[in-house]
Amino acid sequence: MRMLSSIHGLYRKGVLVTMKRTCLILLCGLLFWGTGLFLGPGTGWGAVKLKAQGAALCLMCHADLKEKLAQPHVHTPVKQGNCQGCHNPHTAKFPKLLSRTGTELCYACHRREERAFAQRSVHRPVLEGNCTACHDPHASGEKFQLVRAGGALCLRCHQELSLKARNVLHPPFARGDCLRCHNPHASPERALLVKPARSLCLRCHNPAQPRIKKAHGRFAVQQAACEQCHDPHGSDQRILVKAVVHAPFAQGSCAVCHQVSGPDPRRTILQGKELCLTCHTRMARQMEKSHLHPPVAEGRCTTCHNPHASDVQGLLVEKEWNLCLSCHSEVAERLKDSPFHHPQKAGNGRCTICHNPHGSEQSFLFADAPLQVCGTCHKRHVTLSHPMGEGINDPRTGETLTCLSCHDPKGTDIPYFLRFPKERELCIQCHKQLR
């Protein structure tokens, strides 16, 4: 009986194995048959007859594209009827059935551009992979499938350069010929310039012309940086002088700072900070602080300020955010690489919302104690949160516990730019008894 039972058991197992194999073979057969439907003719798995070929098939439903595709400049894959070059006709992980997104999709064909765009200065849409901010992926009435023509496209984002606010316009800018001076994608020069700034100016303006020599008096401008005083787009000042003008320069009182009667009128009557402090006496008190910004400590005022004219209040050489990050490159890298950081928009790109650019009694040149600085905007968090402030010390450092004990505004990989995950790890940094 035992032997018969064993044989019966083996027989049952054999039948089950055979059934499983049969099901597997049937399943594979169905899978290959289905694959043949999708792969189409010439694959060896089967064939499906499409109702139309190429773009004609897509346009049977997407009729709204017919008018667009009649425009003079059509994207090459579209012109070839190769819609599936960018779209998956059945399903996709990305919106609009795109096979990839951003520059990853565009660079699949535009490999040469990918290499060319890896430069010092990169246009923000390129950096963010937003090619369609400027280019229509299907067709356009403009060359390169641009969504608008010339300066109208640029001014859609660069609204601060609007023509309406300028009495005197630089001719290329007035014509909307932005590409005469700027590369729309990337450049080794700052501000996406196609050449160094001075070389650009010299293409049209000869410093030896009597009109230019007369305007600059005894100051030879053959080697001058024109963009330091003149706005290359437009200005409310005559001869395109920038909007914010240093008082002696505006009054034509060059002798206040320069040895105008000497052999070299470019030389100043005093050197470095000593010259600036003859008028800016209030700044002398800033320089007595315990923590000084290195350029201030070294007396290099012109590192940040233009002594003649600027487009930015305080005669800054460029917008505050760009100016600070031009030296603090490590901060720029962290902000770029960290998904969570203090939002730039909170201070409109102004680092001086939190930091004093000259001198402070606080570390990192904070304008006040960290708790007061954060509380200026985050009033509720300072009063209704984890205990902080005087008398409450961080056990790791012995220093006063502040917002910065848990948050790093320069950036982290954790939401709310926390230094550690909030679920537990953040707390046990101090509360070791909870480990």
Protein backbone atom coordinates (compact mmCIF):
# COMPACT_ATOMS: atom_id res chain seq x y z
CA MET A 1 0.00 0.00 0.00
CA ARG A 2 2.82 2.40 0.88
CA MET A 3 4.46 1.74 -2.47
CA LEU A 4 1.20 2.43 -4.34
CA SER A 5 0.70 5.61 -2.32
CA SER A 6 4.23 6.80 -3.18
CA ILE A 7 3.72 6.08 -6.88
CA HIS A 8 0.40 7.91 -6.81
CA GLY A 9 2.04 10.91 -5.11
CA LEU A 10 4.82 11.02 -7.69
CA TYR A 11 2.23 10.73 -10.46
CA ARG A 12 0.29 13.68 -9.03
CA LYS A 13 3.46 15.78 -8.76
CA GLY A 14 4.39 14.88 -12.33
CA VAL A 15 0.97 15.93 -13.58
CA LEU A 16 1.21 19.23 -11.72
CA VAL A 17 4.67 19.91 -13.14
CA THR A 18 3.44 19.06 -16.63
CA MET A 19 0.44 21.38 -16.21
CA LYS A 20 2.67 24.24 -15.00
CA ARG A 21 4.98 23.78 -17.99
CA THR A 22 2.03 23.71 -20.38
CA CYS A 23 0.63 26.95 -18.88
CA LEU A 24 4.05 28.58 -19.12
CA ILE A 25 4.39 27.60 -22.78
CA LEU A 26 0.90 28.95 -23.55
CA LEU A 27 1.67 32.19 -21.70
CA CYS A 28 4.91 32.68 -23.64
CA GLY A 29 3.10 31.99 -26.87
CA LEU A 30 0.51 34.66 -26.09
CA LEU A 31 3.24 37.09 -25.09
CA PHE A 32 5.17 36.57 -28.35
CA TRP A 33 1.96 36.84 -30.38
CA GLY A 34 1.09 40.11 -28.61
CA THR A 35 4.61 41.43 -29.09
CA GLY A 36 4.27 40.77 -32.81
CA LEU A 37 1.20 42.98 -32.91
CA PHE A 38 3.15 45.90 -31.49
CA LEU A 39 6.42 45.33 -33.28
CA GLY A 40 4.72 45.28 -36.67
CA PRO A 41 5.86 43.91 -40.04
CA GLY A 42 9.31 42.55 -40.61
CA THR A 43 9.84 41.44 -36.99
CA GLY A 44 9.03 37.80 -37.48
CA TRP A 45 6.44 37.81 -34.68
CA GLY A 46 3.43 39.01 -36.62
CA ALA A 47 2.10 42.10 -38.38
CA VAL A 48 -0.57 44.75 -37.91
CA LYS A 49 -1.82 46.84 -40.76
CA LEU A 50 -1.94 50.51 -39.69
CA LYS A 51 -4.68 52.78 -40.98
CA ALA A 52 -2.08 55.26 -42.21
CA GLN A 53 1.69 55.70 -42.12
CA GLY A 54 3.91 58.14 -40.16
CA ALA A 55 2.50 61.50 -39.11
CA ALA A 56 -0.64 60.93 -41.18
CA LEU A 57 -1.73 58.32 -38.64
CA CYS A 58 -1.22 60.71 -35.70
CA LEU A 59 -3.00 63.57 -37.49
CA MET A 60 -6.15 61.46 -37.84
CA CYS A 61 -6.80 62.38 -34.19
CA HIS A 62 -4.45 65.32 -33.62
CA ALA A 63 -6.00 67.44 -36.36
CA ASP A 64 -5.14 70.63 -34.44
CA LEU A 65 -1.50 70.08 -35.47
CA LYS A 66 -2.21 70.25 -39.21
CA GLU A 67 -2.20 74.05 -39.32
CA LYS A 68 0.96 74.23 -37.20
CA LEU A 69 2.82 71.78 -39.42
CA ALA A 70 2.05 73.96 -42.45
CA GLN A 71 4.43 76.61 -41.06
CA PRO A 72 7.79 77.19 -42.78
CA HIS A 73 10.07 75.76 -40.08
CA VAL A 74 9.27 72.19 -39.07
CA HIS A 75 11.23 70.02 -36.62
CA THR A 76 13.11 67.37 -38.63
CA PRO A 77 11.53 64.27 -36.99
CA VAL A 78 8.07 65.80 -37.57
CA LYS A 79 8.93 66.59 -41.20
CA GLN A 80 9.96 62.95 -41.63
CA GLY A 81 6.71 61.74 -40.05
CA ASN A 82 8.70 60.22 -37.20
CA CYS A 83 6.40 61.14 -34.29
CA GLN A 84 7.58 58.11 -32.33
CA GLY A 85 11.07 59.65 -32.30
CA CYS A 86 9.83 61.63 -29.29
CA HIS A 87 6.49 60.01 -28.35
CA ASN A 88 5.56 56.46 -27.44
CA PRO A 89 2.32 55.64 -29.30
CA HIS A 90 0.98 53.40 -26.52
CA THR A 91 2.11 54.34 -23.01
CA ALA A 92 4.83 56.38 -21.32
CA LYS A 93 6.01 57.49 -17.90
CA PHE A 94 6.03 61.12 -18.97
CA PRO A 95 3.30 63.62 -19.96
CA LYS A 96 2.24 63.76 -23.63
CA LEU A 97 3.53 60.19 -24.02
CA LEU A 98 7.10 61.49 -24.30
CA SER A 99 9.75 58.81 -24.21
CA ARG A 100 12.03 61.13 -22.21
CA THR A 101 11.84 64.69 -20.94
CA GLY A 102 13.85 67.90 -20.95
CA THR A 103 17.33 68.01 -22.40
CA GLU A 104 17.57 64.22 -22.13
CA LEU A 105 15.04 63.98 -24.95
CA CYS A 106 16.59 66.76 -27.05
CA TYR A 107 20.17 65.60 -26.53
CA ALA A 108 19.24 62.13 -27.83
CA CYS A 109 19.66 63.75 -31.28
CA HIS A 110 21.49 66.99 -30.51
CA ARG A 111 24.71 65.45 -29.13
CA ARG A 112 26.93 68.20 -30.51
CA GLU A 113 24.88 70.82 -28.70
CA GLU A 114 25.13 68.91 -25.43
CA ARG A 115 28.93 69.18 -25.56
CA ALA A 116 28.84 72.83 -26.65
CA PHE A 117 26.53 73.86 -23.81
CA ALA A 118 28.86 72.62 -21.06
CA GLN A 119 30.42 76.06 -20.48
CA ARG A 120 30.89 78.66 -17.77
CA SER A 121 27.70 80.61 -18.42
CA VAL A 122 24.56 78.63 -19.28
CA HIS A 123 21.13 80.07 -20.10
CA ARG A 124 18.69 79.09 -17.35
CA PRO A 125 16.20 77.24 -19.63
CA VAL A 126 19.09 75.12 -20.94
CA LEU A 127 20.32 74.47 -17.41
CA GLU A 128 16.82 73.40 -16.34
CA GLY A 129 16.25 71.26 -19.44
CA ASN A 130 13.42 73.48 -20.61
CA CYS A 131 14.22 73.71 -24.34
CA THR A 132 10.56 74.30 -25.21
CA ALA A 133 10.64 77.63 -23.36
CA CYS A 134 12.19 79.01 -26.55
CA HIS A 135 11.67 76.32 -29.21
CA ASP A 136 8.43 74.77 -30.45
CA PRO A 137 9.02 71.00 -30.69
CA HIS A 138 6.82 70.67 -33.79
CA ALA A 139 6.90 73.75 -36.05
CA SER A 140 7.04 77.53 -36.06
CA GLY A 141 6.99 80.52 -38.34
CA GLU A 142 10.44 81.44 -36.98
CA LYS A 143 13.81 79.93 -37.80
CA PHE A 144 14.98 77.20 -35.41
CA GLN A 145 11.31 76.78 -34.43
CA LEU A 146 11.55 79.71 -32.01
CA VAL A 147 8.24 80.45 -30.32
CA ARG A 148 8.68 84.19 -30.94
CA ALA A 149 10.94 86.39 -33.02
CA GLY A 150 14.06 88.25 -31.86
CA GLY A 151 13.93 90.41 -28.78
CA ALA A 152 10.25 89.62 -28.17
CA LEU A 153 11.28 86.11 -27.16
CA CYS A 154 14.00 87.32 -24.78
CA LEU A 155 11.85 90.03 -23.19
CA ARG A 156 9.20 87.47 -22.34
CA CYS A 157 11.46 86.44 -19.43
CA HIS A 158 13.85 89.38 -19.14
CA GLN A 159 11.10 91.87 -18.35
CA GLU A 160 13.48 94.10 -16.42
CA LEU A 161 14.94 95.07 -19.80
CA SER A 162 11.58 96.30 -21.12
CA LEU A 163 11.90 99.01 -23.76
CA LYS A 164 9.26 101.16 -22.05
CA ALA A 165 11.51 102.26 -19.20
CA ARG A 166 14.40 103.50 -21.35
CA ASN A 167 14.78 106.93 -22.95
CA VAL A 168 18.05 106.08 -24.72
CA LEU A 169 18.39 102.67 -26.39
CA HIS A 170 21.42 100.84 -27.69
CA PRO A 171 20.62 100.26 -31.41
CA PRO A 172 21.05 96.44 -31.42
CA PHE A 173 18.75 96.20 -28.41
CA ALA A 174 16.20 98.56 -29.98
CA ARG A 175 16.14 96.28 -33.05
CA GLY A 176 15.63 93.19 -30.90
CA ASP A 177 18.98 91.85 -32.12
CA CYS A 178 19.96 90.23 -28.80
CA LEU A 179 22.01 87.54 -30.52
CA ARG A 180 24.45 90.15 -31.81
CA CYS A 181 25.97 90.20 -28.32
CA HIS A 182 24.57 87.13 -26.52
CA ASN A 183 24.63 83.39 -27.13
CA PRO A 184 21.16 82.03 -26.32
CA HIS A 185 22.46 78.72 -24.96
CA ALA A 186 25.89 78.89 -23.33
CA SER A 187 29.14 80.82 -23.42
CA PRO A 188 32.59 80.87 -21.78
CA GLU A 189 31.90 84.57 -21.02
CA ARG A 190 29.68 85.95 -18.28
CA ALA A 191 26.15 87.04 -19.22
CA LEU A 192 26.26 84.64 -22.19
CA LEU A 193 28.30 87.13 -24.23
CA VAL A 194 29.56 85.86 -27.58
CA LYS A 195 32.95 87.54 -26.94
CA PRO A 196 34.64 89.35 -24.05
CA ALA A 197 32.69 92.57 -23.38
CA ARG A 198 35.40 94.94 -24.57
CA SER A 199 35.87 93.05 -27.85
CA LEU A 200 32.14 93.32 -28.47
CA CYS A 201 32.15 97.10 -28.01
CA LEU A 202 35.15 97.57 -30.28
CA ARG A 203 33.34 95.87 -33.16
CA CYS A 204 31.23 99.01 -33.55
CA HIS A 205 32.88 101.75 -31.44
CA ASN A 206 36.36 103.08 -32.16
CA PRO A 207 37.91 104.74 -29.04
CA ALA A 208 40.01 106.96 -31.33
CA GLN A 209 36.94 108.73 -32.73
CA PRO A 210 36.97 112.44 -31.79
CA ARG A 211 33.46 112.21 -30.32
CA ILE A 212 34.48 109.42 -27.93
CA LYS A 213 37.80 111.08 -27.00
CA LYS A 214 36.05 114.36 -26.22
CA ALA A 215 33.47 112.63 -23.99
CA HIS A 216 36.23 111.10 -21.81
CA GLY A 217 38.54 114.13 -21.56
CA ARG A 218 42.10 113.24 -20.58
CA PHE A 219 41.14 109.69 -19.74
CA ALA A 220 42.38 107.27 -22.41
CA VAL A 221 39.72 104.64 -22.90
CA GLN A 222 41.55 102.31 -25.29
CA GLN A 223 41.81 99.70 -22.54
CA ALA A 224 38.73 100.68 -20.52
CA ALA A 225 35.88 98.30 -19.74
CA CYS A 226 33.02 100.14 -21.43
CA GLU A 227 30.31 98.09 -19.69
CA GLN A 228 31.40 99.41 -16.29
CA CYS A 229 29.83 102.81 -17.00
CA HIS A 230 27.53 102.28 -19.97
CA ASP A 231 24.40 100.13 -20.11
CA PRO A 232 24.56 97.93 -23.24
CA HIS A 233 20.75 97.81 -23.49
CA GLY A 234 19.30 101.21 -22.64
CA SER A 235 19.28 103.96 -20.07
CA ASP A 236 17.41 107.01 -18.87
CA GLN A 237 20.80 108.78 -18.79
CA ARG A 238 22.47 110.36 -21.80
CA ILE A 239 25.04 108.33 -23.78
CA LEU A 240 23.75 105.15 -22.12
CA VAL A 241 25.32 105.88 -18.73
CA LYS A 242 23.96 103.42 -16.15
CA ALA A 243 21.04 104.30 -13.89
CA VAL A 244 22.85 104.64 -10.54
CA VAL A 245 25.67 107.18 -10.77
CA HIS A 246 28.37 107.99 -8.21
CA ALA A 247 27.90 111.64 -7.23
CA PRO A 248 31.38 112.95 -8.27
CA PHE A 249 31.05 111.15 -11.62
CA ALA A 250 27.57 112.58 -12.23
CA GLN A 251 28.87 116.09 -11.51
CA GLY A 252 31.93 115.65 -13.72
CA SER A 253 34.13 116.21 -10.65
CA CYS A 254 36.78 113.65 -11.53
CA ALA A 255 39.38 115.50 -9.45
CA VAL A 256 37.57 114.44 -6.25
CA CYS A 257 39.11 110.99 -6.74
CA HIS A 258 41.63 111.23 -9.61
CA GLN A 259 44.93 113.05 -10.22
CA VAL A 260 43.47 114.67 -13.34
CA SER A 261 46.39 117.08 -13.83
CA GLY A 262 49.05 114.40 -13.35
CA PRO A 263 50.79 112.32 -16.02
CA ASP A 264 48.25 109.51 -15.57
CA PRO A 265 44.77 110.87 -14.75
CA ARG A 266 43.58 107.37 -13.95
CA ARG A 267 45.63 107.37 -10.75
CA THR A 268 43.63 108.21 -7.62
CA ILE A 269 44.64 110.76 -5.00
CA LEU A 270 44.56 108.05 -2.30
CA GLN A 271 44.72 104.26 -2.54
CA GLY A 272 42.10 101.64 -1.76
CA LYS A 273 39.69 102.14 1.12
CA GLU A 274 41.43 105.35 2.24
CA LEU A 275 39.99 107.11 -0.80
CA CYS A 276 36.45 105.82 -0.22
CA LEU A 277 36.46 106.59 3.51
CA THR A 278 37.16 110.29 2.89
CA CYS A 279 33.44 110.54 2.01
CA HIS A 280 31.91 107.35 3.38
CA THR A 281 32.79 107.97 7.02
CA ARG A 282 29.90 105.86 8.31
CA MET A 283 31.53 102.82 6.75
CA ALA A 284 34.59 103.32 8.95
CA ARG A 285 32.49 102.19 11.94
CA GLN A 286 31.50 99.03 10.06
CA MET A 287 35.17 98.25 9.63
CA GLU A 288 35.65 98.13 13.41
CA LYS A 289 33.45 95.03 13.74
CA SER A 290 34.97 91.74 14.91
CA HIS A 291 34.07 89.92 11.68
CA LEU A 292 34.87 91.61 8.36
CA HIS A 293 34.12 90.62 4.79
CA PRO A 294 37.55 89.82 3.28
CA PRO A 295 37.38 92.50 0.53
CA VAL A 296 36.52 95.07 3.23
CA ALA A 297 39.32 93.91 5.52
CA GLU A 298 41.74 94.22 2.60
CA GLY A 299 40.39 97.62 1.53
CA ARG A 300 39.23 96.39 -1.88
CA CYS A 301 35.95 98.32 -2.19
CA THR A 302 35.88 98.04 -5.98
CA THR A 303 35.61 94.24 -5.70
CA CYS A 304 31.90 94.80 -5.11
CA HIS A 305 31.28 98.46 -6.03
CA ASN A 306 31.73 100.37 -9.27
CA PRO A 307 33.15 103.84 -8.52
CA HIS A 308 31.43 105.41 -11.53
CA ALA A 309 28.02 103.97 -12.42
CA SER A 310 25.92 100.85 -12.01
CA ASP A 311 22.50 99.37 -12.73
CA VAL A 312 22.20 98.24 -9.10
CA GLN A 313 21.61 100.30 -5.97
CA GLY A 314 24.76 100.75 -3.90
CA LEU A 315 26.82 100.91 -7.10
CA LEU A 316 27.25 97.12 -7.02
CA VAL A 317 29.15 95.77 -10.00
CA GLU A 318 26.24 93.37 -10.73
CA LYS A 319 23.07 92.04 -9.15
CA GLU A 320 23.62 91.05 -5.56
CA TRP A 321 22.93 87.32 -5.94
CA ASN A 322 25.33 86.94 -8.89
CA LEU A 323 27.92 89.15 -7.23
CA CYS A 324 28.04 87.08 -4.03
CA LEU A 325 28.10 83.73 -5.82
CA SER A 326 30.88 84.90 -8.15
CA CYS A 327 33.23 84.55 -5.16
CA HIS A 328 31.32 82.07 -3.01
CA SER A 329 31.41 79.32 -5.62
CA GLU A 330 31.13 76.57 -2.99
CA VAL A 331 27.75 78.00 -1.95
CA ALA A 332 26.68 78.18 -5.60
CA GLU A 333 27.54 74.48 -6.02
CA ARG A 334 25.59 73.48 -2.92
CA LEU A 335 22.56 75.49 -3.97
CA LYS A 336 22.68 73.87 -7.39
CA ASP A 337 23.13 70.32 -6.09
CA SER A 338 20.81 70.45 -3.05
CA PRO A 339 17.10 69.84 -3.68
CA PHE A 340 16.16 71.74 -0.52
CA HIS A 341 17.60 75.12 0.45
CA HIS A 342 16.43 78.52 1.66
CA PRO A 343 14.43 79.92 -1.27
CA GLN A 344 16.20 82.59 -3.26
CA LYS A 345 12.88 84.30 -3.94
CA ALA A 346 12.40 84.99 -0.21
CA GLY A 347 14.86 87.84 -0.47
CA ASN A 348 14.58 88.39 -4.23
CA GLY A 349 18.11 87.08 -4.55
CA ARG A 350 19.44 89.36 -1.81
CA CYS A 351 22.00 87.74 0.46
CA THR A 352 21.99 90.92 2.58
CA ILE A 353 18.55 89.97 3.93
CA CYS A 354 20.53 87.79 6.36
CA HIS A 355 24.16 88.90 6.02
CA ASN A 356 25.93 92.22 6.43
CA PRO A 357 28.27 92.60 3.44
CA HIS A 358 30.80 94.76 5.29
CA GLY A 359 31.17 93.78 8.93
CA SER A 360 29.34 92.17 11.84
CA GLU A 361 29.75 91.01 15.40
CA GLN A 362 28.23 87.65 14.37
CA SER A 363 29.80 84.65 12.69
CA PHE A 364 29.20 84.33 8.94
CA LEU A 365 28.55 88.09 8.88
CA PHE A 366 24.96 87.65 10.09
CA ALA A 367 23.23 90.99 10.35
CA ASP A 368 22.12 90.07 13.91
CA ALA A 369 22.03 87.01 16.16
CA PRO A 370 20.74 84.05 14.07
CA LEU A 371 17.50 83.76 16.05
CA GLN A 372 16.69 87.42 15.41
CA VAL A 373 17.60 87.16 11.73
CA CYS A 374 15.32 84.13 11.17
CA GLY A 375 12.59 85.68 13.33
CA THR A 376 12.42 88.71 11.05
CA CYS A 377 10.48 86.56 8.57
CA HIS A 378 9.62 83.42 10.53
CA LYS A 379 8.00 85.08 13.55
CA ARG A 380 5.69 82.18 14.42
CA HIS A 381 8.43 79.56 14.23
CA VAL A 382 10.67 81.47 16.63
CA THR A 383 7.97 81.75 19.30
CA LEU A 384 6.18 78.40 18.83
CA SER A 385 8.84 75.78 18.25
CA HIS A 386 11.58 73.76 19.91
CA PRO A 387 13.11 75.81 22.77
CA MET A 388 15.93 77.99 21.50
CA GLY A 389 17.86 81.07 22.44
CA GLU A 390 19.69 82.33 25.50
CA GLY A 391 20.25 79.71 28.20
CA ILE A 392 19.48 76.76 25.88
CA ASN A 393 22.68 75.26 24.57
CA ASP A 394 23.39 72.71 21.89
CA PRO A 395 25.02 69.76 23.77
CA ARG A 396 27.18 69.00 20.73
CA THR A 397 28.88 72.40 20.63
CA GLY A 398 27.97 74.12 23.88
CA GLU A 399 26.77 77.12 21.85
CA THR A 400 23.30 78.67 21.95
CA LEU A 401 20.69 76.56 20.18
CA THR A 402 19.29 78.39 17.14
CA CYS A 403 17.42 77.60 13.92
CA LEU A 404 20.79 76.84 12.33
CA SER A 405 21.34 73.96 14.75
CA CYS A 406 18.77 71.94 12.81
CA HIS A 407 18.52 73.75 9.45
CA ASP A 408 21.20 74.49 6.89
CA PRO A 409 19.92 77.31 4.62
CA LYS A 410 22.68 76.67 2.06
CA GLY A 411 21.08 73.33 1.21
CA THR A 412 20.62 69.66 2.11
CA ASP A 413 18.98 66.56 0.63
CA ILE A 414 16.22 66.67 3.26
CA PRO A 415 12.94 68.67 3.15
CA TYR A 416 12.95 72.02 4.98
CA PHE A 417 16.75 71.90 4.50
CA LEU A 418 17.09 69.92 7.74
CA ARG A 419 20.53 68.65 8.63
CA PHE A 420 19.16 65.17 9.47
CA PRO A 421 15.83 63.37 8.80
CA LYS A 422 13.18 64.65 11.20
CA GLU A 423 11.60 61.24 11.95
CA ARG A 424 14.23 60.31 14.54
CA GLU A 425 17.80 60.94 13.48
CA LEU A 426 17.54 64.72 13.90
CA CYS A 427 16.36 64.40 17.50
CA ILE A 428 18.89 61.84 18.69
CA GLN A 429 21.77 64.10 17.69
CA CYS A 430 21.12 65.90 21.00
CA HIS A 431 18.72 63.59 22.85
CA LYS A 432 21.13 60.69 23.11
CA GLN A 433 19.01 58.95 25.77
CA LEU A 434 16.46 58.20 23.01
CA ARG A 435 18.87 56.08 21.05
